[in-house]
Amino acid sequence: ILVIVFGAILILNTLKSSGGMSIINKGFSNISTDRRVQVIIL
């Protein structure tokens, strides 16, 4: 179980450090301005 946990967190932290997660987050910002839609998508 710890090996799975390690790998899952590692890929997330790798994307955070590379800036990839920041780019993914920015991609959501211009989809809709309706808060009901935003909360469902995100």
ModelCIF file with pLDDT and N, C-alpha, C, O atoms, coordinates in Angstrom:
data_MODEL
#
_entry.id   MODEL 
#
_entity.id                         1 
_entity.type                       polymer 
_entity.pdbx_number_of_molecules   1 
#
_entity_poly.entity_id                      1 
_entity_poly.type                           'polypeptide(L)' 
_entity_poly.nstd_linkage                   no 
_entity_poly.nstd_monomer                   no 
_entity_poly.pdbx_seq_one_letter_code       ILVIVFGAILILNTLKSSGGMSIINKGFSNISTDRRVQVIIL 
_entity_poly.pdbx_seq_one_letter_code_can   ILVIVFGAILILNTLKSSGGMSIINKGFSNISTDRRVQVIIL 
_entity_poly.pdbx_strand_id                 A 
#
loop_
_entity_poly_seq.entity_id 
_entity_poly_seq.num 
_entity_poly_seq.mon_id 
_entity_poly_seq.hetero 
1 1  ILE n 
1 2  LEU n 
1 3  VAL n 
1 4  ILE n 
1 5  VAL n 
1 6  PHE n 
1 7  GLY n 
1 8  ALA n 
1 9  ILE n 
1 10 LEU n 
1 11 ILE n 
1 12 LEU n 
1 13 ASN n 
1 14 THR n 
1 15 LEU n 
1 16 LYS n 
1 17 SER n 
1 18 SER n 
1 19 GLY n 
1 20 GLY n 
1 21 MET n 
1 22 SER n 
1 23 ILE n 
1 24 ILE n 
1 25 ASN n 
1 26 LYS n 
1 27 GLY n 
1 28 PHE n 
1 29 SER n 
1 30 ASN n 
1 31 ILE n 
1 32 SER n 
1 33 THR n 
1 34 ASP n 
1 35 ARG n 
1 36 ARG n 
1 37 VAL n 
1 38 GLN n 
1 39 VAL n 
1 40 ILE n 
1 41 ILE n 
1 42 LEU n 
#
_struct_asym.id          A 
_struct_asym.entity_id   1 
#
loop_
_ma_qa_metric.id 
_ma_qa_metric.mode 
_ma_qa_metric.name 
_ma_qa_metric.software_group_id 
_ma_qa_metric.type 
1 global pLDDT . pLDDT 
2 local  pLDDT . pLDDT 
#
_ma_qa_metric_global.metric_id      1 
_ma_qa_metric_global.metric_value   86.00 
_ma_qa_metric_global.model_id       1 
_ma_qa_metric_global.ordinal_id     1 
#
loop_
_ma_qa_metric_local.label_asym_id 
_ma_qa_metric_local.label_comp_id 
_ma_qa_metric_local.label_seq_id 
_ma_qa_metric_local.metric_id 
_ma_qa_metric_local.metric_value 
_ma_qa_metric_local.model_id 
_ma_qa_metric_local.ordinal_id 
A ILE 1  2 81.00 1 1  
A LEU 2  2 85.00 1 2  
A VAL 3  2 86.00 1 3  
A ILE 4  2 82.00 1 4  
A VAL 5  2 77.00 1 5  
A PHE 6  2 86.00 1 6  
A GLY 7  2 86.00 1 7  
A ALA 8  2 78.00 1 8  
A ILE 9  2 81.00 1 9  
A LEU 10 2 88.00 1 10 
A ILE 11 2 87.00 1 11 
A LEU 12 2 81.00 1 12 
A ASN 13 2 87.00 1 13 
A THR 14 2 92.00 1 14 
A LEU 15 2 90.00 1 15 
A LYS 16 2 88.00 1 16 
A SER 17 2 92.00 1 17 
A SER 18 2 92.00 1 18 
A GLY 19 2 90.00 1 19 
A GLY 20 2 89.00 1 20 
A MET 21 2 82.00 1 21 
A SER 22 2 84.00 1 22 
A ILE 23 2 87.00 1 23 
A ILE 24 2 81.00 1 24 
A ASN 25 2 73.00 1 25 
A LYS 26 2 79.00 1 26 
A GLY 27 2 78.00 1 27 
A PHE 28 2 74.00 1 28 
A SER 29 2 70.00 1 29 
A ASN 30 2 76.00 1 30 
A ILE 31 2 86.00 1 31 
A SER 32 2 87.00 1 32 
A THR 33 2 87.00 1 33 
A ASP 34 2 93.00 1 34 
A ARG 35 2 94.00 1 35 
A ARG 36 2 96.00 1 36 
A VAL 37 2 96.00 1 37 
A GLN 38 2 93.00 1 38 
A VAL 39 2 96.00 1 39 
A ILE 40 2 96.00 1 40 
A ILE 41 2 95.00 1 41 
A LEU 42 2 91.00 1 42 
#
loop_
_atom_site.group_PDB 
_atom_site.id 
_atom_site.type_symbol 
_atom_site.label_atom_id 
_atom_site.label_alt_id 
_atom_site.label_comp_id 
_atom_site.label_asym_id 
_atom_site.label_entity_id 
_atom_site.label_seq_id 
_atom_site.pdbx_PDB_ins_code 
_atom_site.Cartn_x 
_atom_site.Cartn_y 
_atom_site.Cartn_z 
_atom_site.occupancy 
_atom_site.B_iso_or_equiv 
_atom_site.pdbx_formal_charge 
_atom_site.auth_seq_id 
_atom_site.auth_comp_id 
_atom_site.auth_asym_id 
_atom_site.auth_atom_id 
_atom_site.pdbx_PDB_model_num 
ATOM 1   N N  . ILE A 1 1  ? 0.839   -1.206 0.000   1.00 81.00 ? 1  ILE A N  1 
ATOM 2   C CA . ILE A 1 1  ? 0.000   0.000  0.000   1.00 81.00 ? 1  ILE A CA 1 
ATOM 3   C C  . ILE A 1 1  ? 0.871   1.252  0.000   1.00 81.00 ? 1  ILE A C  1 
ATOM 4   O O  . ILE A 1 1  ? 0.557   2.229  -0.680  1.00 81.00 ? 1  ILE A O  1 
ATOM 5   N N  . LEU A 1 2  ? 1.956   1.225  0.756   1.00 85.00 ? 2  LEU A N  1 
ATOM 6   C CA . LEU A 1 2  ? 2.844   2.385  0.825   1.00 85.00 ? 2  LEU A CA 1 
ATOM 7   C C  . LEU A 1 2  ? 3.501   2.683  -0.523  1.00 85.00 ? 2  LEU A C  1 
ATOM 8   O O  . LEU A 1 2  ? 3.731   3.845  -0.857  1.00 85.00 ? 2  LEU A O  1 
ATOM 9   N N  . VAL A 1 3  ? 3.800   1.649  -1.291  1.00 86.00 ? 3  VAL A N  1 
ATOM 10  C CA . VAL A 1 3  ? 4.378   1.858  -2.624  1.00 86.00 ? 3  VAL A CA 1 
ATOM 11  C C  . VAL A 1 3  ? 3.372   2.595  -3.518  1.00 86.00 ? 3  VAL A C  1 
ATOM 12  O O  . VAL A 1 3  ? 3.745   3.496  -4.270  1.00 86.00 ? 3  VAL A O  1 
ATOM 13  N N  . ILE A 1 4  ? 2.106   2.208  -3.431  1.00 82.00 ? 4  ILE A N  1 
ATOM 14  C CA . ILE A 1 4  ? 1.058   2.881  -4.222  1.00 82.00 ? 4  ILE A CA 1 
ATOM 15  C C  . ILE A 1 4  ? 0.932   4.337  -3.775  1.00 82.00 ? 4  ILE A C  1 
ATOM 16  O O  . ILE A 1 4  ? 0.870   5.247  -4.602  1.00 82.00 ? 4  ILE A O  1 
ATOM 17  N N  . VAL A 1 5  ? 0.893   4.547  -2.459  1.00 77.00 ? 5  VAL A N  1 
ATOM 18  C CA . VAL A 1 5  ? 0.778   5.905  -1.924  1.00 77.00 ? 5  VAL A CA 1 
ATOM 19  C C  . VAL A 1 5  ? 1.956   6.760  -2.381  1.00 77.00 ? 5  VAL A C  1 
ATOM 20  O O  . VAL A 1 5  ? 1.780   7.901  -2.808  1.00 77.00 ? 5  VAL A O  1 
ATOM 21  N N  . PHE A 1 6  ? 3.158   6.195  -2.286  1.00 86.00 ? 6  PHE A N  1 
ATOM 22  C CA . PHE A 1 6  ? 4.361   6.936  -2.684  1.00 86.00 ? 6  PHE A CA 1 
ATOM 23  C C  . PHE A 1 6  ? 4.285   7.359  -4.146  1.00 86.00 ? 6  PHE A C  1 
ATOM 24  O O  . PHE A 1 6  ? 4.528   8.520  -4.474  1.00 86.00 ? 6  PHE A O  1 
ATOM 25  N N  . GLY A 1 7  ? 3.948   6.419  -5.020  1.00 86.00 ? 7  GLY A N  1 
ATOM 26  C CA . GLY A 1 7  ? 3.890   6.732  -6.446  1.00 86.00 ? 7  GLY A CA 1 
ATOM 27  C C  . GLY A 1 7  ? 2.826   7.750  -6.772  1.00 86.00 ? 7  GLY A C  1 
ATOM 28  O O  . GLY A 1 7  ? 3.044   8.641  -7.593  1.00 86.00 ? 7  GLY A O  1 
ATOM 29  N N  . ALA A 1 8  ? 1.653   7.626  -6.124  1.00 78.00 ? 8  ALA A N  1 
ATOM 30  C CA . ALA A 1 8  ? 0.549   8.557  -6.382  1.00 78.00 ? 8  ALA A CA 1 
ATOM 31  C C  . ALA A 1 8  ? 0.918   9.984  -5.990  1.00 78.00 ? 8  ALA A C  1 
ATOM 32  O O  . ALA A 1 8  ? 0.635   10.934 -6.719  1.00 78.00 ? 8  ALA A O  1 
ATOM 33  N N  . ILE A 1 9  ? 1.552   10.118 -4.830  1.00 81.00 ? 9  ILE A N  1 
ATOM 34  C CA . ILE A 1 9  ? 1.938   11.454 -4.355  1.00 81.00 ? 9  ILE A CA 1 
ATOM 35  C C  . ILE A 1 9  ? 3.118   11.989 -5.158  1.00 81.00 ? 9  ILE A C  1 
ATOM 36  O O  . ILE A 1 9  ? 3.214   13.193 -5.396  1.00 81.00 ? 9  ILE A O  1 
ATOM 37  N N  . LEU A 1 10 ? 4.013   11.103 -5.574  1.00 88.00 ? 10 LEU A N  1 
ATOM 38  C CA . LEU A 1 10 ? 5.188   11.537 -6.340  1.00 88.00 ? 10 LEU A CA 1 
ATOM 39  C C  . LEU A 1 10 ? 4.794   12.182 -7.666  1.00 88.00 ? 10 LEU A C  1 
ATOM 40  O O  . LEU A 1 10 ? 5.341   13.224 -8.028  1.00 88.00 ? 10 LEU A O  1 
ATOM 41  N N  . ILE A 1 11 ? 3.860   11.582 -8.392  1.00 87.00 ? 11 ILE A N  1 
ATOM 42  C CA . ILE A 1 11 ? 3.477   12.161 -9.680  1.00 87.00 ? 11 ILE A CA 1 
ATOM 43  C C  . ILE A 1 11 ? 2.827   13.528 -9.480  1.00 87.00 ? 11 ILE A C  1 
ATOM 44  O O  . ILE A 1 11 ? 3.027   14.437 -10.286 1.00 87.00 ? 11 ILE A O  1 
ATOM 45  N N  . LEU A 1 12 ? 2.057   13.671 -8.415  1.00 81.00 ? 12 LEU A N  1 
ATOM 46  C CA . LEU A 1 12 ? 1.430   14.964 -8.118  1.00 81.00 ? 12 LEU A CA 1 
ATOM 47  C C  . LEU A 1 12 ? 2.486   16.013 -7.777  1.00 81.00 ? 12 LEU A C  1 
ATOM 48  O O  . LEU A 1 12 ? 2.435   17.130 -8.292  1.00 81.00 ? 12 LEU A O  1 
ATOM 49  N N  . ASN A 1 13 ? 3.440   15.665 -6.916  1.00 87.00 ? 13 ASN A N  1 
ATOM 50  C CA . ASN A 1 13 ? 4.492   16.607 -6.532  1.00 87.00 ? 13 ASN A CA 1 
ATOM 51  C C  . ASN A 1 13 ? 5.414   16.933 -7.693  1.00 87.00 ? 13 ASN A C  1 
ATOM 52  O O  . ASN A 1 13 ? 5.932   18.047 -7.784  1.00 87.00 ? 13 ASN A O  1 
ATOM 53  N N  . THR A 1 14 ? 5.625   15.957 -8.593  1.00 92.00 ? 14 THR A N  1 
ATOM 54  C CA . THR A 1 14 ? 6.442   16.209 -9.782  1.00 92.00 ? 14 THR A CA 1 
ATOM 55  C C  . THR A 1 14 ? 5.784   17.269 -10.650 1.00 92.00 ? 14 THR A C  1 
ATOM 56  O O  . THR A 1 14 ? 6.454   18.171 -11.152 1.00 92.00 ? 14 THR A O  1 
ATOM 57  N N  . LEU A 1 15 ? 4.463   17.161 -10.828 1.00 90.00 ? 15 LEU A N  1 
ATOM 58  C CA . LEU A 1 15 ? 3.730   18.151 -11.632 1.00 90.00 ? 15 LEU A CA 1 
ATOM 59  C C  . LEU A 1 15 ? 3.690   19.520 -10.945 1.00 90.00 ? 15 LEU A C  1 
ATOM 60  O O  . LEU A 1 15 ? 3.707   20.557 -11.609 1.00 90.00 ? 15 LEU A O  1 
ATOM 61  N N  . LYS A 1 16 ? 3.638   19.511 -9.623  1.00 88.00 ? 16 LYS A N  1 
ATOM 62  C CA . LYS A 1 16 ? 3.670   20.787 -8.903  1.00 88.00 ? 16 LYS A CA 1 
ATOM 63  C C  . LYS A 1 16 ? 5.021   21.473 -9.105  1.00 88.00 ? 16 LYS A C  1 
ATOM 64  O O  . LYS A 1 16 ? 5.080   22.672 -9.378  1.00 88.00 ? 16 LYS A O  1 
ATOM 65  N N  . SER A 1 17 ? 6.101   20.706 -8.969  1.00 92.00 ? 17 SER A N  1 
ATOM 66  C CA . SER A 1 17 ? 7.438   21.280 -9.086  1.00 92.00 ? 17 SER A CA 1 
ATOM 67  C C  . SER A 1 17 ? 7.772   21.709 -10.505 1.00 92.00 ? 17 SER A C  1 
ATOM 68  O O  . SER A 1 17 ? 8.485   22.692 -10.702 1.00 92.00 ? 17 SER A O  1 
ATOM 69  N N  . SER A 1 18 ? 7.264   20.981 -11.498 1.00 92.00 ? 18 SER A N  1 
ATOM 70  C CA . SER A 1 18 ? 7.549   21.330 -12.896 1.00 92.00 ? 18 SER A CA 1 
ATOM 71  C C  . SER A 1 18 ? 6.723   22.516 -13.377 1.00 92.00 ? 18 SER A C  1 
ATOM 72  O O  . SER A 1 18 ? 7.043   23.122 -14.399 1.00 92.00 ? 18 SER A O  1 
ATOM 73  N N  . GLY A 1 19 ? 5.660   22.850 -12.643 1.00 90.00 ? 19 GLY A N  1 
ATOM 74  C CA . GLY A 1 19 ? 4.744   23.903 -13.078 1.00 90.00 ? 19 GLY A CA 1 
ATOM 75  C C  . GLY A 1 19 ? 3.559   23.358 -13.858 1.00 90.00 ? 19 GLY A C  1 
ATOM 76  O O  . GLY A 1 19 ? 2.669   24.111 -14.253 1.00 90.00 ? 19 GLY A O  1 
ATOM 77  N N  . GLY A 1 20 ? 3.548   22.033 -14.081 1.00 89.00 ? 20 GLY A N  1 
ATOM 78  C CA . GLY A 1 20 ? 2.454   21.427 -14.837 1.00 89.00 ? 20 GLY A CA 1 
ATOM 79  C C  . GLY A 1 20 ? 1.114   21.575 -14.167 1.00 89.00 ? 20 GLY A C  1 
ATOM 80  O O  . GLY A 1 20 ? 0.114   21.816 -14.843 1.00 89.00 ? 20 GLY A O  1 
ATOM 81  N N  . MET A 1 21 ? 1.061   21.437 -12.838 1.00 82.00 ? 21 MET A N  1 
ATOM 82  C CA . MET A 1 21 ? -0.199  21.560 -12.126 1.00 82.00 ? 21 MET A CA 1 
ATOM 83  C C  . MET A 1 21 ? -0.736  22.982 -12.192 1.00 82.00 ? 21 MET A C  1 
ATOM 84  O O  . MET A 1 21 ? -1.948  23.190 -12.258 1.00 82.00 ? 21 MET A O  1 
ATOM 85  N N  . SER A 1 22 ? 0.156   23.952 -12.175 1.00 84.00 ? 22 SER A N  1 
ATOM 86  C CA . SER A 1 22 ? -0.260  25.348 -12.317 1.00 84.00 ? 22 SER A CA 1 
ATOM 87  C C  . SER A 1 22 ? -0.921  25.584 -13.676 1.00 84.00 ? 22 SER A C  1 
ATOM 88  O O  . SER A 1 22 ? -1.922  26.293 -13.772 1.00 84.00 ? 22 SER A O  1 
ATOM 89  N N  . ILE A 1 23 ? -0.352  24.983 -14.722 1.00 87.00 ? 23 ILE A N  1 
ATOM 90  C CA . ILE A 1 23 ? -0.922  25.113 -16.072 1.00 87.00 ? 23 ILE A CA 1 
ATOM 91  C C  . ILE A 1 23 ? -2.292  24.441 -16.148 1.00 87.00 ? 23 ILE A C  1 
ATOM 92  O O  . ILE A 1 23 ? -3.216  24.973 -16.764 1.00 87.00 ? 23 ILE A O  1 
ATOM 93  N N  . ILE A 1 24 ? -2.419  23.274 -15.520 1.00 81.00 ? 24 ILE A N  1 
ATOM 94  C CA . ILE A 1 24 ? -3.699  22.569 -15.498 1.00 81.00 ? 24 ILE A CA 1 
ATOM 95  C C  . ILE A 1 24 ? -4.755  23.420 -14.803 1.00 81.00 ? 24 ILE A C  1 
ATOM 96  O O  . ILE A 1 24 ? -5.885  23.527 -15.281 1.00 81.00 ? 24 ILE A O  1 
ATOM 97  N N  . ASN A 1 25 ? -4.391  24.019 -13.684 1.00 73.00 ? 25 ASN A N  1 
ATOM 98  C CA . ASN A 1 25 ? -5.332  24.868 -12.945 1.00 73.00 ? 25 ASN A CA 1 
ATOM 99  C C  . ASN A 1 25 ? -5.781  26.067 -13.774 1.00 73.00 ? 25 ASN A C  1 
ATOM 100 O O  . ASN A 1 25 ? -6.962  26.413 -13.791 1.00 73.00 ? 25 ASN A O  1 
ATOM 101 N N  . LYS A 1 26 ? -4.823  26.703 -14.467 1.00 79.00 ? 26 LYS A N  1 
ATOM 102 C CA . LYS A 1 26 ? -5.158  27.872 -15.285 1.00 79.00 ? 26 LYS A CA 1 
ATOM 103 C C  . LYS A 1 26 ? -6.108  27.516 -16.422 1.00 79.00 ? 26 LYS A C  1 
ATOM 104 O O  . LYS A 1 26 ? -6.913  28.339 -16.858 1.00 79.00 ? 26 LYS A O  1 
ATOM 105 N N  . GLY A 1 27 ? -6.002  26.276 -16.893 1.00 78.00 ? 27 GLY A N  1 
ATOM 106 C CA . GLY A 1 27 ? -6.864  25.853 -17.994 1.00 78.00 ? 27 GLY A CA 1 
ATOM 107 C C  . GLY A 1 27 ? -8.340  25.848 -17.647 1.00 78.00 ? 27 GLY A C  1 
ATOM 108 O O  . GLY A 1 27 ? -9.189  25.859 -18.538 1.00 78.00 ? 27 GLY A O  1 
ATOM 109 N N  . PHE A 1 28 ? -8.659  25.830 -16.337 1.00 74.00 ? 28 PHE A N  1 
ATOM 110 C CA . PHE A 1 28 ? -10.061 25.811 -15.916 1.00 74.00 ? 28 PHE A CA 1 
ATOM 111 C C  . PHE A 1 28 ? -10.669 27.212 -15.794 1.00 74.00 ? 28 PHE A C  1 
ATOM 112 O O  . PHE A 1 28 ? -11.891 27.352 -15.746 1.00 74.00 ? 28 PHE A O  1 
ATOM 113 N N  . SER A 1 29 ? -9.840  28.227 -15.745 1.00 70.00 ? 29 SER A N  1 
ATOM 114 C CA . SER A 1 29 ? -10.303 29.562 -15.345 1.00 70.00 ? 29 SER A CA 1 
ATOM 115 C C  . SER A 1 29 ? -11.237 30.244 -16.334 1.00 70.00 ? 29 SER A C  1 
ATOM 116 O O  . SER A 1 29 ? -12.027 31.099 -15.935 1.00 70.00 ? 29 SER A O  1 
ATOM 117 N N  . ASN A 1 30 ? -11.169 29.890 -17.612 1.00 76.00 ? 30 ASN A N  1 
ATOM 118 C CA . ASN A 1 30 ? -11.985 30.579 -18.619 1.00 76.00 ? 30 ASN A CA 1 
ATOM 119 C C  . ASN A 1 30 ? -13.110 29.721 -19.200 1.00 76.00 ? 30 ASN A C  1 
ATOM 120 O O  . ASN A 1 30 ? -13.629 30.022 -20.275 1.00 76.00 ? 30 ASN A O  1 
ATOM 121 N N  . ILE A 1 31 ? -13.486 28.661 -18.497 1.00 86.00 ? 31 ILE A N  1 
ATOM 122 C CA . ILE A 1 31 ? -14.509 27.759 -19.034 1.00 86.00 ? 31 ILE A CA 1 
ATOM 123 C C  . ILE A 1 31 ? -15.915 28.317 -18.822 1.00 86.00 ? 31 ILE A C  1 
ATOM 124 O O  . ILE A 1 31 ? -16.721 28.326 -19.753 1.00 86.00 ? 31 ILE A O  1 
ATOM 125 N N  . SER A 1 32 ? -16.218 28.782 -17.610 1.00 87.00 ? 32 SER A N  1 
ATOM 126 C CA . SER A 1 32 ? -17.552 29.308 -17.296 1.00 87.00 ? 32 SER A CA 1 
ATOM 127 C C  . SER A 1 32 ? -17.458 30.262 -16.118 1.00 87.00 ? 32 SER A C  1 
ATOM 128 O O  . SER A 1 32 ? -16.574 30.131 -15.272 1.00 87.00 ? 32 SER A O  1 
ATOM 129 N N  . THR A 1 33 ? -18.373 31.222 -16.065 1.00 87.00 ? 33 THR A N  1 
ATOM 130 C CA . THR A 1 33 ? -18.404 32.152 -14.938 1.00 87.00 ? 33 THR A CA 1 
ATOM 131 C C  . THR A 1 33 ? -19.520 31.808 -13.953 1.00 87.00 ? 33 THR A C  1 
ATOM 132 O O  . THR A 1 33 ? -19.609 32.412 -12.884 1.00 87.00 ? 33 THR A O  1 
ATOM 133 N N  . ASP A 1 34 ? -20.377 30.838 -14.306 1.00 93.00 ? 34 ASP A N  1 
ATOM 134 C CA . ASP A 1 34 ? -21.452 30.404 -13.408 1.00 93.00 ? 34 ASP A CA 1 
ATOM 135 C C  . ASP A 1 34 ? -20.844 29.530 -12.308 1.00 93.00 ? 34 ASP A C  1 
ATOM 136 O O  . ASP A 1 34 ? -20.209 28.514 -12.591 1.00 93.00 ? 34 ASP A O  1 
ATOM 137 N N  . ARG A 1 35 ? -21.047 29.936 -11.058 1.00 94.00 ? 35 ARG A N  1 
ATOM 138 C CA . ARG A 1 35 ? -20.424 29.227 -9.936  1.00 94.00 ? 35 ARG A CA 1 
ATOM 139 C C  . ARG A 1 35 ? -20.937 27.786 -9.816  1.00 94.00 ? 35 ARG A C  1 
ATOM 140 O O  . ARG A 1 35 ? -20.207 26.904 -9.364  1.00 94.00 ? 35 ARG A O  1 
ATOM 141 N N  . ARG A 1 36 ? -22.179 27.549 -10.216 1.00 96.00 ? 36 ARG A N  1 
ATOM 142 C CA . ARG A 1 36 ? -22.727 26.189 -10.140 1.00 96.00 ? 36 ARG A CA 1 
ATOM 143 C C  . ARG A 1 36 ? -22.020 25.273 -11.132 1.00 96.00 ? 36 ARG A C  1 
ATOM 144 O O  . ARG A 1 36 ? -21.788 24.098 -10.845 1.00 96.00 ? 36 ARG A O  1 
ATOM 145 N N  . VAL A 1 37 ? -21.686 25.805 -12.281 1.00 96.00 ? 37 VAL A N  1 
ATOM 146 C CA . VAL A 1 37 ? -20.962 25.034 -13.291 1.00 96.00 ? 37 VAL A CA 1 
ATOM 147 C C  . VAL A 1 37 ? -19.512 24.820 -12.852 1.00 96.00 ? 37 VAL A C  1 
ATOM 148 O O  . VAL A 1 37 ? -18.968 23.724 -12.984 1.00 96.00 ? 37 VAL A O  1 
ATOM 149 N N  . GLN A 1 38 ? -18.901 25.874 -12.332 1.00 93.00 ? 38 GLN A N  1 
ATOM 150 C CA . GLN A 1 38 ? -17.500 25.789 -11.911 1.00 93.00 ? 38 GLN A CA 1 
ATOM 151 C C  . GLN A 1 38 ? -17.296 24.739 -10.825 1.00 93.00 ? 38 GLN A C  1 
ATOM 152 O O  . GLN A 1 38 ? -16.343 23.962 -10.875 1.00 93.00 ? 38 GLN A O  1 
ATOM 153 N N  . VAL A 1 39 ? -18.197 24.720 -9.842  1.00 96.00 ? 39 VAL A N  1 
ATOM 154 C CA . VAL A 1 39 ? -18.015 23.792 -8.729  1.00 96.00 ? 39 VAL A CA 1 
ATOM 155 C C  . VAL A 1 39 ? -18.184 22.340 -9.170  1.00 96.00 ? 39 VAL A C  1 
ATOM 156 O O  . VAL A 1 39 ? -17.531 21.448 -8.628  1.00 96.00 ? 39 VAL A O  1 
ATOM 157 N N  . ILE A 1 40 ? -19.056 22.099 -10.150 1.00 96.00 ? 40 ILE A N  1 
ATOM 158 C CA . ILE A 1 40 ? -19.251 20.738 -10.645 1.00 96.00 ? 40 ILE A CA 1 
ATOM 159 C C  . ILE A 1 40 ? -18.035 20.282 -11.451 1.00 96.00 ? 40 ILE A C  1 
ATOM 160 O O  . ILE A 1 40 ? -17.565 19.157 -11.283 1.00 96.00 ? 40 ILE A O  1 
ATOM 161 N N  . ILE A 1 41 ? -17.529 21.144 -12.319 1.00 95.00 ? 41 ILE A N  1 
ATOM 162 C CA . ILE A 1 41 ? -16.375 20.769 -13.146 1.00 95.00 ? 41 ILE A CA 1 
ATOM 163 C C  . ILE A 1 41 ? -15.143 20.523 -12.276 1.00 95.00 ? 41 ILE A C  1 
ATOM 164 O O  . ILE A 1 41 ? -14.446 19.522 -12.442 1.00 95.00 ? 41 ILE A O  1 
ATOM 165 N N  . LEU A 1 42 ? -14.883 21.443 -11.354 1.00 91.00 ? 42 LEU A N  1 
ATOM 166 C CA . LEU A 1 42 ? -13.653 21.341 -10.554 1.00 91.00 ? 42 LEU A CA 1 
ATOM 167 C C  . LEU A 1 42 ? -13.796 20.358 -9.386  1.00 91.00 ? 42 LEU A C  1 
ATOM 168 O O  . LEU A 1 42 ? -12.849 20.164 -8.623  1.00 91.00 ? 42 LEU A O  1 
#
